[in-house]
Amino acid sequence: MDLYFVYVTVADRGEAERIARTSVEERLAACANILGGIHSVYRWEGEVCEGNEVALILKTTEARREALQQRIRQLHSYACPC
């Protein structure tokens, strides 16, 4: 069985907890790790931006990976989630 780590950055801890809990409750991920705050530097709409975020790692299987990614997009507050 192939296992995958899905790395996601989110706006804050509350969003990380909501995505993590939903993903595990819906059996799209076996486990989720919420990492401490991070400071991100990224390009968005032609500008270099900086901001504080929270990192989230979800562990899943190949069979559930695509469904997990789609569910994250539904739950995520960003227009283009990592």
N, C-alpha and C. Protein backbone atom coordinates (compact mmCIF):
# COMPACT_ATOMS: atom_id res chain seq x y z
N MET A 1 0.85 -1.17 0.00
CA MET A 1 0.00 0.00 0.00
C MET A 1 0.90 1.24 0.00
N ASP A 2 0.62 2.18 -0.92
CA ASP A 2 1.36 3.43 -0.96
C ASP A 2 0.74 4.42 0.02
N LEU A 3 1.60 5.06 0.81
CA LEU A 3 1.16 6.05 1.79
C LEU A 3 1.63 7.42 1.34
N TYR A 4 0.85 8.45 1.66
CA TYR A 4 1.15 9.81 1.24
C TYR A 4 1.06 10.76 2.43
N PHE A 5 1.96 11.73 2.44
CA PHE A 5 1.90 12.85 3.35
C PHE A 5 1.41 14.04 2.55
N VAL A 6 0.30 14.63 2.98
CA VAL A 6 -0.26 15.79 2.29
C VAL A 6 0.03 17.01 3.17
N TYR A 7 0.84 17.93 2.65
CA TYR A 7 1.26 19.12 3.37
C TYR A 7 0.36 20.28 2.98
N VAL A 8 -0.19 20.97 3.97
CA VAL A 8 -1.10 22.08 3.72
C VAL A 8 -0.75 23.22 4.67
N THR A 9 -0.76 24.45 4.16
CA THR A 9 -0.65 25.61 5.03
C THR A 9 -2.03 26.25 5.12
N VAL A 10 -2.36 26.74 6.31
CA VAL A 10 -3.66 27.35 6.56
C VAL A 10 -3.48 28.66 7.31
N ALA A 11 -4.56 29.43 7.40
CA ALA A 11 -4.49 30.77 7.99
C ALA A 11 -4.22 30.77 9.49
N ASP A 12 -4.79 29.79 10.21
CA ASP A 12 -4.63 29.80 11.67
C ASP A 12 -4.89 28.41 12.25
N ARG A 13 -4.68 28.30 13.54
CA ARG A 13 -4.81 27.00 14.21
C ARG A 13 -6.24 26.47 14.14
N GLY A 14 -7.22 27.33 14.26
CA GLY A 14 -8.62 26.90 14.19
C GLY A 14 -8.94 26.23 12.86
N GLU A 15 -8.45 26.82 11.78
CA GLU A 15 -8.68 26.23 10.46
C GLU A 15 -7.94 24.89 10.34
N ALA A 16 -6.73 24.82 10.87
CA ALA A 16 -5.97 23.57 10.84
C ALA A 16 -6.72 22.48 11.61
N GLU A 17 -7.24 22.81 12.77
CA GLU A 17 -7.98 21.82 13.57
C GLU A 17 -9.25 21.37 12.86
N ARG A 18 -9.94 22.28 12.20
CA ARG A 18 -11.19 21.94 11.50
C ARG A 18 -10.91 21.01 10.32
N ILE A 19 -9.88 21.32 9.53
CA ILE A 19 -9.53 20.47 8.39
C ILE A 19 -9.02 19.12 8.87
N ALA A 20 -8.19 19.12 9.90
CA ALA A 20 -7.65 17.87 10.43
C ALA A 20 -8.77 16.96 10.95
N ARG A 21 -9.63 17.51 11.78
CA ARG A 21 -10.71 16.71 12.38
C ARG A 21 -11.67 16.18 11.31
N THR A 22 -12.06 17.01 10.38
CA THR A 22 -12.97 16.59 9.31
C THR A 22 -12.34 15.48 8.48
N SER A 23 -11.07 15.65 8.13
CA SER A 23 -10.38 14.66 7.29
C SER A 23 -10.28 13.30 7.97
N VAL A 24 -10.01 13.31 9.26
CA VAL A 24 -9.91 12.04 10.00
C VAL A 24 -11.31 11.45 10.24
N GLU A 25 -12.28 12.30 10.63
CA GLU A 25 -13.64 11.80 10.86
C GLU A 25 -14.24 11.18 9.61
N GLU A 26 -13.95 11.77 8.44
CA GLU A 26 -14.49 11.26 7.18
C GLU A 26 -13.62 10.14 6.59
N ARG A 27 -12.61 9.72 7.33
CA ARG A 27 -11.72 8.63 6.94
C ARG A 27 -10.95 8.90 5.64
N LEU A 28 -10.71 10.18 5.37
CA LEU A 28 -9.89 10.55 4.22
C LEU A 28 -8.42 10.56 4.60
N ALA A 29 -8.15 10.74 5.89
CA ALA A 29 -6.79 10.68 6.43
C ALA A 29 -6.81 9.83 7.68
N ALA A 30 -5.74 9.09 7.89
CA ALA A 30 -5.64 8.27 9.10
C ALA A 30 -5.18 9.09 10.29
N CYS A 31 -4.44 10.17 10.01
CA CYS A 31 -3.84 10.96 11.06
C CYS A 31 -3.55 12.35 10.51
N ALA A 32 -3.55 13.34 11.38
CA ALA A 32 -3.18 14.69 11.00
C ALA A 32 -2.28 15.28 12.08
N ASN A 33 -1.23 15.94 11.66
CA ASN A 33 -0.33 16.63 12.58
C ASN A 33 -0.42 18.12 12.32
N ILE A 34 -0.69 18.88 13.37
CA ILE A 34 -0.73 20.32 13.27
C ILE A 34 0.58 20.84 13.84
N LEU A 35 1.35 21.50 12.99
CA LEU A 35 2.64 22.02 13.40
C LEU A 35 2.47 23.44 13.92
N GLY A 36 3.46 23.92 14.64
CA GLY A 36 3.41 25.27 15.18
C GLY A 36 3.34 26.32 14.09
N GLY A 37 3.19 27.54 14.51
CA GLY A 37 3.12 28.65 13.57
C GLY A 37 4.37 28.74 12.71
N ILE A 38 4.17 29.16 11.48
CA ILE A 38 5.28 29.35 10.55
C ILE A 38 5.14 30.73 9.92
N HIS A 39 6.22 31.26 9.43
CA HIS A 39 6.19 32.52 8.69
C HIS A 39 6.50 32.18 7.24
N SER A 40 5.59 32.53 6.35
CA SER A 40 5.71 32.16 4.94
C SER A 40 6.03 33.39 4.08
N VAL A 41 6.86 33.16 3.08
CA VAL A 41 7.15 34.15 2.05
C VAL A 41 6.72 33.51 0.74
N TYR A 42 5.85 34.18 -0.01
CA TYR A 42 5.27 33.57 -1.20
C TYR A 42 4.93 34.64 -2.24
N ARG A 43 4.75 34.20 -3.47
CA ARG A 43 4.33 35.10 -4.54
C ARG A 43 2.84 34.88 -4.77
N TRP A 44 2.08 35.99 -4.79
CA TRP A 44 0.65 35.93 -5.03
C TRP A 44 0.24 37.13 -5.88
N GLU A 45 -0.37 36.84 -7.02
CA GLU A 45 -0.85 37.87 -7.94
C GLU A 45 0.24 38.89 -8.28
N GLY A 46 1.43 38.36 -8.58
CA GLY A 46 2.55 39.18 -9.02
C GLY A 46 3.32 39.89 -7.93
N GLU A 47 2.93 39.72 -6.69
CA GLU A 47 3.58 40.39 -5.56
C GLU A 47 4.25 39.36 -4.65
N VAL A 48 5.35 39.74 -4.04
CA VAL A 48 5.96 38.91 -2.99
C VAL A 48 5.30 39.31 -1.68
N CYS A 49 4.73 38.34 -1.00
CA CYS A 49 3.98 38.57 0.23
C CYS A 49 4.60 37.78 1.38
N GLU A 50 4.28 38.18 2.59
CA GLU A 50 4.69 37.45 3.79
C GLU A 50 3.50 37.37 4.73
N GLY A 51 3.46 36.30 5.50
CA GLY A 51 2.39 36.17 6.48
C GLY A 51 2.61 34.99 7.40
N ASN A 52 1.92 35.02 8.52
CA ASN A 52 1.97 33.92 9.47
C ASN A 52 0.90 32.89 9.12
N GLU A 53 1.26 31.63 9.21
CA GLU A 53 0.35 30.53 8.89
C GLU A 53 0.59 29.40 9.87
N VAL A 54 -0.19 28.35 9.72
CA VAL A 54 -0.01 27.11 10.46
C VAL A 54 0.13 26.00 9.43
N ALA A 55 1.06 25.08 9.66
CA ALA A 55 1.27 23.95 8.75
C ALA A 55 0.54 22.72 9.28
N LEU A 56 0.03 21.95 8.33
CA LEU A 56 -0.74 20.76 8.64
C LEU A 56 -0.24 19.63 7.74
N ILE A 57 0.02 18.46 8.32
CA ILE A 57 0.41 17.29 7.55
C ILE A 57 -0.64 16.21 7.79
N LEU A 58 -1.22 15.72 6.70
CA LEU A 58 -2.22 14.66 6.77
C LEU A 58 -1.64 13.41 6.15
N LYS A 59 -1.91 12.26 6.76
CA LYS A 59 -1.39 10.98 6.27
C LYS A 59 -2.53 10.18 5.68
N THR A 60 -2.35 9.74 4.43
CA THR A 60 -3.42 9.04 3.73
C THR A 60 -2.86 7.97 2.81
N THR A 61 -3.75 7.26 2.14
CA THR A 61 -3.36 6.22 1.19
C THR A 61 -3.56 6.74 -0.23
N GLU A 62 -2.99 6.02 -1.17
CA GLU A 62 -3.16 6.38 -2.57
C GLU A 62 -4.64 6.39 -2.96
N ALA A 63 -5.39 5.44 -2.45
CA ALA A 63 -6.81 5.32 -2.79
C ALA A 63 -7.63 6.51 -2.29
N ARG A 64 -7.17 7.17 -1.24
CA ARG A 64 -7.94 8.29 -0.66
C ARG A 64 -7.32 9.65 -0.93
N ARG A 65 -6.16 9.68 -1.55
CA ARG A 65 -5.42 10.94 -1.74
C ARG A 65 -6.21 11.99 -2.52
N GLU A 66 -6.77 11.62 -3.63
CA GLU A 66 -7.49 12.59 -4.46
C GLU A 66 -8.73 13.12 -3.74
N ALA A 67 -9.47 12.24 -3.09
CA ALA A 67 -10.66 12.67 -2.34
C ALA A 67 -10.26 13.60 -1.20
N LEU A 68 -9.15 13.32 -0.54
CA LEU A 68 -8.65 14.19 0.53
C LEU A 68 -8.31 15.57 -0.03
N GLN A 69 -7.61 15.61 -1.14
CA GLN A 69 -7.24 16.89 -1.73
C GLN A 69 -8.48 17.71 -2.11
N GLN A 70 -9.47 17.06 -2.66
CA GLN A 70 -10.71 17.77 -3.02
C GLN A 70 -11.43 18.29 -1.78
N ARG A 71 -11.46 17.49 -0.72
CA ARG A 71 -12.13 17.91 0.51
C ARG A 71 -11.39 19.09 1.15
N ILE A 72 -10.07 19.06 1.12
CA ILE A 72 -9.29 20.18 1.65
C ILE A 72 -9.65 21.46 0.89
N ARG A 73 -9.76 21.38 -0.43
CA ARG A 73 -10.13 22.56 -1.23
C ARG A 73 -11.50 23.09 -0.81
N GLN A 74 -12.43 22.21 -0.47
CA GLN A 74 -13.76 22.62 -0.04
C GLN A 74 -13.72 23.33 1.31
N LEU A 75 -12.87 22.85 2.21
CA LEU A 75 -12.81 23.37 3.58
C LEU A 75 -11.90 24.57 3.75
N HIS A 76 -10.97 24.76 2.84
CA HIS A 76 -9.89 25.74 2.98
C HIS A 76 -10.37 27.16 2.71
N SER A 77 -9.82 28.11 3.44
CA SER A 77 -10.20 29.52 3.26
C SER A 77 -9.46 30.21 2.12
N TYR A 78 -8.36 29.62 1.65
CA TYR A 78 -7.57 30.24 0.57
C TYR A 78 -8.17 29.93 -0.79
N ALA A 79 -8.03 30.86 -1.73
CA ALA A 79 -8.47 30.63 -3.10
C ALA A 79 -7.65 29.53 -3.77
N CYS A 80 -6.39 29.42 -3.38
CA CYS A 80 -5.48 28.43 -3.97
C CYS A 80 -4.66 27.80 -2.85
N PRO A 81 -5.21 26.78 -2.15
CA PRO A 81 -4.48 26.17 -1.03
C PRO A 81 -3.22 25.44 -1.48
N CYS A 82 -2.21 25.45 -0.63
CA CYS A 82 -0.98 24.71 -0.89
C CYS A 82 -1.28 23.23 -0.77
